[in-house]
Amino acid sequence: MSARPTFAGWVRRAALVTLALSLLAAPISAAASTETQTKQLLDGLIPYAHGVLERTGSFSPFGGGLSPDGKVHFMSGKSPDGQRLDAAGLRALLVDSLPGMVQPKGFVAAAVLSDTTVRDPQSRQLVRAVRADLRFRGGQTETLFIPYSQNNEGKLSFRPSIKNVDGLR
C-alpha cells in the first residue's frame, strides 16, 4: 500500500498540471468574449478542484488569473495577520482581491473557486457545487455554480454550470 501524498505533494502536482496547461495555452485577447475567457480560465482551474474533490471530498477556496498569453496562474491567500482562515474567510479574502488581480496584475480575467452547496433550480434539491466567482478586465463580474456528484467509487461527474442560483448556502 502506498503512502498518501501530502498537501505539498498535491501542490506540486497542481504546479505540474499548470505547467502542462501553460504549454498548451493559446494566447487570448482582452477583447475576447467573457465566455471565451471563462472557459479558458475554468479549463485551467477545474482539474485541480476535481482532483482534490475526488481524493478528499472537499477543497479550500483558491483562485487563478488568466494572462493575455493564455496561461492560467494559481493563487491562494492568507490573512494579513497570519491567522488561519476558515473557508468562508479565505473565499472572502480571495474574492476581495479579484479587482487587483485583473487591473494591476494584468490578467484578462480572474476567478475564485470554492466548494459549496446550492439549491438546484430544476429539482429544488440541495446539491454540491463548485462556485466560481469571476472578474473580467472590463469590470464585469459573474458567479457560476458547477454542480457535481460523487459515485460510490469516489469518481466525480460535473453537470453544466448554472447562474442565478436561488437558496445559496
C-alpha atoms as a PDB file:
ATOM      1  CA  MET A   1       0.000   0.000   0.000  1.00  0.00           C
ATOM      2  CA  SER A   2       1.457   3.362  -0.992  1.00  0.00           C
ATOM      3  CA  ALA A   3       1.609   6.341   1.350  1.00  0.00           C
ATOM      4  CA  ARG A   4      -0.969   9.084   0.831  1.00  0.00           C
ATOM      5  CA  PRO A   5       0.525  12.195  -0.749  1.00  0.00           C
ATOM      6  CA  THR A   6       0.893  15.237   1.487  1.00  0.00           C
ATOM      7  CA  PHE A   7      -0.604  18.646   0.805  1.00  0.00           C
ATOM      8  CA  ALA A   8       2.790  19.685  -0.566  1.00  0.00           C
ATOM      9  CA  GLY A   9       2.576  16.722  -2.939  1.00  0.00           C
ATOM     10  CA  TRP A  10      -0.803  17.898  -4.194  1.00  0.00           C
ATOM     11  CA  VAL A  11       0.561  21.409  -4.673  1.00  0.00           C
ATOM     12  CA  ARG A  12       3.479  20.011  -6.694  1.00  0.00           C
ATOM     13  CA  ARG A  13       1.036  18.020  -8.827  1.00  0.00           C
ATOM     14  CA  ALA A  14      -1.102  21.140  -9.360  1.00  0.00           C
ATOM     15  CA  ALA A  15       2.048  23.005 -10.402  1.00  0.00           C
ATOM     16  CA  LEU A  16       2.813  20.279 -12.943  1.00  0.00           C
ATOM     17  CA  VAL A  17      -0.748  20.431 -14.265  1.00  0.00           C
ATOM     18  CA  THR A  18      -0.415  24.219 -14.500  1.00  0.00           C
ATOM     19  CA  LEU A  19       2.875  23.842 -16.349  1.00  0.00           C
ATOM     20  CA  ALA A  20       1.311  21.368 -18.768  1.00  0.00           C
ATOM     21  CA  LEU A  21      -1.663  23.668 -19.327  1.00  0.00           C
ATOM     22  CA  SER A  22       0.713  26.611 -19.818  1.00  0.00           C
ATOM     23  CA  LEU A  23       2.493  24.730 -22.565  1.00  0.00           C
ATOM     24  CA  LEU A  24      -0.844  24.123 -24.293  1.00  0.00           C
ATOM     25  CA  ALA A  25      -2.218  27.611 -23.637  1.00  0.00           C
ATOM     26  CA  ALA A  26      -3.322  29.699 -26.568  1.00  0.00           C
ATOM     27  CA  PRO A  27      -2.906  33.478 -26.461  1.00  0.00           C
ATOM     28  CA  ILE A  28      -6.123  35.255 -25.579  1.00  0.00           C
ATOM     29  CA  SER A  29      -7.106  38.785 -26.356  1.00  0.00           C
ATOM     30  CA  ALA A  30      -8.503  41.101 -23.713  1.00  0.00           C
ATOM     31  CA  ALA A  31     -11.215  41.740 -26.318  1.00  0.00           C
ATOM     32  CA  ALA A  32     -12.182  38.037 -26.336  1.00  0.00           C
ATOM     33  CA  SER A  33     -15.680  37.383 -25.073  1.00  0.00           C
ATOM     34  CA  THR A  34     -16.184  36.792 -21.377  1.00  0.00           C
ATOM     35  CA  GLU A  35     -17.466  33.324 -22.333  1.00  0.00           C
ATOM     36  CA  THR A  36     -14.139  32.521 -24.027  1.00  0.00           C
ATOM     37  CA  GLN A  37     -12.174  33.890 -21.081  1.00  0.00           C
ATOM     38  CA  THR A  38     -14.371  31.980 -18.612  1.00  0.00           C
ATOM     39  CA  LYS A  39     -13.890  28.717 -20.496  1.00  0.00           C
ATOM     40  CA  GLN A  40     -10.130  29.078 -20.726  1.00  0.00           C
ATOM     41  CA  LEU A  41      -9.793  30.103 -17.075  1.00  0.00           C
ATOM     42  CA  LEU A  42     -12.048  27.340 -15.736  1.00  0.00           C
ATOM     43  CA  ASP A  43     -10.419  24.749 -18.024  1.00  0.00           C
ATOM     44  CA  GLY A  44      -7.207  25.574 -16.152  1.00  0.00           C
ATOM     45  CA  LEU A  45      -8.654  25.646 -12.611  1.00  0.00           C
ATOM     46  CA  ILE A  46     -11.340  22.937 -12.530  1.00  0.00           C
ATOM     47  CA  PRO A  47      -8.947  19.968 -12.962  1.00  0.00           C
ATOM     48  CA  TYR A  48      -7.234  20.870  -9.675  1.00  0.00           C
ATOM     49  CA  ALA A  49     -10.576  21.159  -7.848  1.00  0.00           C
ATOM     50  CA  HIS A  50     -11.720  17.886  -9.450  1.00  0.00           C
ATOM     51  CA  GLY A  51      -8.642  16.015  -8.267  1.00  0.00           C
ATOM     52  CA  VAL A  52      -8.817  17.320  -4.700  1.00  0.00           C
ATOM     53  CA  LEU A  53     -12.570  16.633  -4.505  1.00  0.00           C
ATOM     54  CA  GLU A  54     -12.079  13.032  -5.628  1.00  0.00           C
ATOM     55  CA  ARG A  55      -9.300  12.481  -3.083  1.00  0.00           C
ATOM     56  CA  THR A  56     -10.606  14.379  -0.070  1.00  0.00           C
ATOM     57  CA  GLY A  57     -14.274  15.215  -0.671  1.00  0.00           C
ATOM     58  CA  SER A  58     -13.803  18.997  -0.434  1.00  0.00           C
ATOM     59  CA  PHE A  59     -11.280  21.740  -1.115  1.00  0.00           C
ATOM     60  CA  SER A  60     -10.229  25.075   0.319  1.00  0.00           C
ATOM     61  CA  PRO A  61     -11.005  28.134  -1.787  1.00  0.00           C
ATOM     62  CA  PHE A  62      -8.350  29.022  -4.341  1.00  0.00           C
ATOM     63  CA  GLY A  63      -8.193  31.067  -7.479  1.00  0.00           C
ATOM     64  CA  GLY A  64      -6.305  31.984 -10.544  1.00  0.00           C
ATOM     65  CA  GLY A  65      -5.783  34.559 -13.214  1.00  0.00           C
ATOM     66  CA  LEU A  66      -5.770  34.274 -16.998  1.00  0.00           C
ATOM     67  CA  SER A  67      -2.859  36.167 -18.540  1.00  0.00           C
ATOM     68  CA  PRO A  68      -3.025  37.636 -22.059  1.00  0.00           C
ATOM     69  CA  ASP A  69      -0.774  34.804 -23.293  1.00  0.00           C
ATOM     70  CA  GLY A  70      -3.464  32.288 -22.281  1.00  0.00           C
ATOM     71  CA  LYS A  71      -1.702  30.905 -19.210  1.00  0.00           C
ATOM     72  CA  VAL A  72      -3.601  30.224 -16.004  1.00  0.00           C
ATOM     73  CA  HIS A  73      -1.780  31.236 -12.818  1.00  0.00           C
ATOM     74  CA  PHE A  74      -2.941  29.758  -9.499  1.00  0.00           C
ATOM     75  CA  MET A  75      -3.319  31.792  -6.302  1.00  0.00           C
ATOM     76  CA  SER A  76      -4.160  31.177  -2.685  1.00  0.00           C
ATOM     77  CA  GLY A  77      -4.325  33.505   0.277  1.00  0.00           C
ATOM     78  CA  LYS A  78      -3.770  34.031   3.953  1.00  0.00           C
ATOM     79  CA  SER A  79      -4.938  36.654   6.374  1.00  0.00           C
ATOM     80  CA  PRO A  80      -2.787  39.785   6.700  1.00  0.00           C
ATOM     81  CA  ASP A  81      -2.083  38.953  10.350  1.00  0.00           C
ATOM     82  CA  GLY A  82      -1.071  35.373   9.548  1.00  0.00           C
ATOM     83  CA  GLN A  83      -4.087  33.816  11.290  1.00  0.00           C
ATOM     84  CA  ARG A  84      -5.623  30.702   9.766  1.00  0.00           C
ATOM     85  CA  LEU A  85      -8.864  31.486   7.930  1.00  0.00           C
ATOM     86  CA  ASP A  86     -11.876  29.228   7.645  1.00  0.00           C
ATOM     87  CA  ALA A  87     -13.210  28.514   4.140  1.00  0.00           C
ATOM     88  CA  ALA A  88     -15.664  31.444   4.200  1.00  0.00           C
ATOM     89  CA  GLY A  89     -12.972  33.871   5.360  1.00  0.00           C
ATOM     90  CA  LEU A  90     -10.477  32.626   2.766  1.00  0.00           C
ATOM     91  CA  ARG A  91     -13.082  32.863  -0.013  1.00  0.00           C
ATOM     92  CA  ALA A  92     -13.979  36.418   1.041  1.00  0.00           C
ATOM     93  CA  LEU A  93     -10.295  37.427   1.118  1.00  0.00           C
ATOM     94  CA  LEU A  94      -9.684  35.973  -2.358  1.00  0.00           C
ATOM     95  CA  VAL A  95     -12.861  37.462  -3.871  1.00  0.00           C
ATOM     96  CA  ASP A  96     -11.899  40.882  -2.456  1.00  0.00           C
ATOM     97  CA  SER A  97      -8.543  40.557  -4.239  1.00  0.00           C
ATOM     98  CA  LEU A  98     -10.076  39.924  -7.699  1.00  0.00           C
ATOM     99  CA  PRO A  99     -10.151  43.586  -8.844  1.00  0.00           C
ATOM    100  CA  GLY A 100      -6.454  43.935  -8.001  1.00  0.00           C
ATOM    101  CA  MET A 101      -5.623  40.798  -9.960  1.00  0.00           C
ATOM    102  CA  VAL A 102      -7.369  41.916 -13.117  1.00  0.00           C
ATOM    103  CA  GLN A 103      -6.130  45.510 -13.301  1.00  0.00           C
ATOM    104  CA  PRO A 104      -2.631  45.922 -11.776  1.00  0.00           C
ATOM    105  CA  LYS A 105      -1.503  42.331 -12.326  1.00  0.00           C
ATOM    106  CA  GLY A 106      -2.540  42.432 -15.970  1.00  0.00           C
ATOM    107  CA  PHE A 107      -4.800  39.389 -16.064  1.00  0.00           C
ATOM    108  CA  VAL A 108      -7.658  39.495 -18.577  1.00  0.00           C
ATOM    109  CA  ALA A 109      -9.821  37.527 -16.132  1.00  0.00           C
ATOM    110  CA  ALA A 110      -9.555  36.062 -12.642  1.00  0.00           C
ATOM    111  CA  ALA A 111     -11.641  33.615 -10.627  1.00  0.00           C
ATOM    112  CA  VAL A 112     -12.016  32.233  -7.136  1.00  0.00           C
ATOM    113  CA  LEU A 113     -13.300  28.676  -6.794  1.00  0.00           C
ATOM    114  CA  SER A 114     -14.898  27.320  -3.643  1.00  0.00           C
ATOM    115  CA  ASP A 115     -16.809  24.210  -2.629  1.00  0.00           C
ATOM    116  CA  THR A 116     -20.416  24.946  -1.705  1.00  0.00           C
ATOM    117  CA  THR A 117     -23.987  23.676  -1.546  1.00  0.00           C
ATOM    118  CA  VAL A 118     -26.747  25.205  -3.700  1.00  0.00           C
ATOM    119  CA  ARG A 119     -30.381  24.569  -4.471  1.00  0.00           C
ATOM    120  CA  ASP A 120     -30.702  23.124  -7.974  1.00  0.00           C
ATOM    121  CA  PRO A 121     -33.188  25.335  -9.845  1.00  0.00           C
ATOM    122  CA  GLN A 122     -34.798  22.354 -11.612  1.00  0.00           C
ATOM    123  CA  SER A 123     -35.032  19.696  -8.902  1.00  0.00           C
ATOM    124  CA  ARG A 124     -35.118  22.167  -5.971  1.00  0.00           C
ATOM    125  CA  GLN A 125     -32.797  19.732  -4.156  1.00  0.00           C
ATOM    126  CA  LEU A 126     -29.641  20.838  -2.373  1.00  0.00           C
ATOM    127  CA  VAL A 127     -26.600  19.785  -4.386  1.00  0.00           C
ATOM    128  CA  ARG A 128     -22.836  20.154  -4.033  1.00  0.00           C
ATOM    129  CA  ALA A 129     -21.239  22.562  -6.476  1.00  0.00           C
ATOM    130  CA  VAL A 130     -18.038  24.362  -7.330  1.00  0.00           C
ATOM    131  CA  ARG A 131     -18.698  28.083  -7.038  1.00  0.00           C
ATOM    132  CA  ALA A 132     -16.716  30.266  -9.464  1.00  0.00           C
ATOM    133  CA  ASP A 133     -16.632  33.999  -8.729  1.00  0.00           C
ATOM    134  CA  LEU A 134     -15.267  35.656 -11.879  1.00  0.00           C
ATOM    135  CA  ARG A 135     -13.982  39.146 -12.656  1.00  0.00           C
ATOM    136  CA  PHE A 136     -13.027  40.455 -16.082  1.00  0.00           C
ATOM    137  CA  ARG A 137     -10.767  43.299 -17.169  1.00  0.00           C
ATOM    138  CA  GLY A 138     -13.756  45.408 -18.266  1.00  0.00           C
ATOM    139  CA  GLY A 139     -15.097  45.292 -14.693  1.00  0.00           C
ATOM    140  CA  GLN A 140     -17.795  42.699 -15.360  1.00  0.00           C
ATOM    141  CA  THR A 141     -18.404  40.092 -12.677  1.00  0.00           C
ATOM    142  CA  GLU A 142     -20.166  36.768 -12.820  1.00  0.00           C
ATOM    143  CA  THR A 143     -20.843  33.885 -10.468  1.00  0.00           C
ATOM    144  CA  LEU A 144     -21.279  30.364 -11.815  1.00  0.00           C
ATOM    145  CA  PHE A 145     -22.143  27.183  -9.969  1.00  0.00           C
ATOM    146  CA  ILE A 146     -20.980  23.871 -11.386  1.00  0.00           C
ATOM    147  CA  PRO A 147     -22.966  21.083  -9.684  1.00  0.00           C
ATOM    148  CA  TYR A 148     -21.268  17.749  -9.154  1.00  0.00           C
ATOM    149  CA  SER A 149     -21.981  14.341  -7.712  1.00  0.00           C
ATOM    150  CA  GLN A 150     -19.674  11.618  -6.499  1.00  0.00           C
ATOM    151  CA  ASN A 151     -20.315   7.914  -7.039  1.00  0.00           C
ATOM    152  CA  ASN A 152     -19.523   5.108  -4.579  1.00  0.00           C
ATOM    153  CA  GLU A 153     -16.032   4.713  -6.039  1.00  0.00           C
ATOM    154  CA  GLY A 154     -15.310   8.402  -5.413  1.00  0.00           C
ATOM    155  CA  LYS A 155     -15.427   9.444  -9.077  1.00  0.00           C
ATOM    156  CA  LEU A 156     -16.913  12.866  -9.767  1.00  0.00           C
ATOM    157  CA  SER A 157     -19.245  13.908 -12.511  1.00  0.00           C
ATOM    158  CA  PHE A 158     -19.902  17.568 -13.221  1.00  0.00           C
ATOM    159  CA  ARG A 159     -23.138  18.889 -14.671  1.00  0.00           C
ATOM    160  CA  PRO A 160     -23.488  22.024 -16.808  1.00  0.00           C
ATOM    161  CA  SER A 161     -22.882  25.267 -14.941  1.00  0.00           C
ATOM    162  CA  ILE A 162     -25.795  27.333 -13.729  1.00  0.00           C
ATOM    163  CA  LYS A 163     -26.225  31.027 -12.964  1.00  0.00           C
ATOM    164  CA  ASN A 164     -28.660  32.888 -10.751  1.00  0.00           C
ATOM    165  CA  VAL A 165     -28.986  30.157  -8.148  1.00  0.00           C
ATOM    166  CA  ASP A 166     -31.667  30.549  -5.506  1.00  0.00           C
ATOM    167  CA  GLY A 167     -31.145  29.377  -1.924  1.00  0.00           C
ATOM    168  CA  LEU A 168     -27.377  29.624  -1.654  1.00  0.00           C
ATOM    169  CA  ARG A 169     -25.638  28.138   1.331  1.00  0.00           C
END
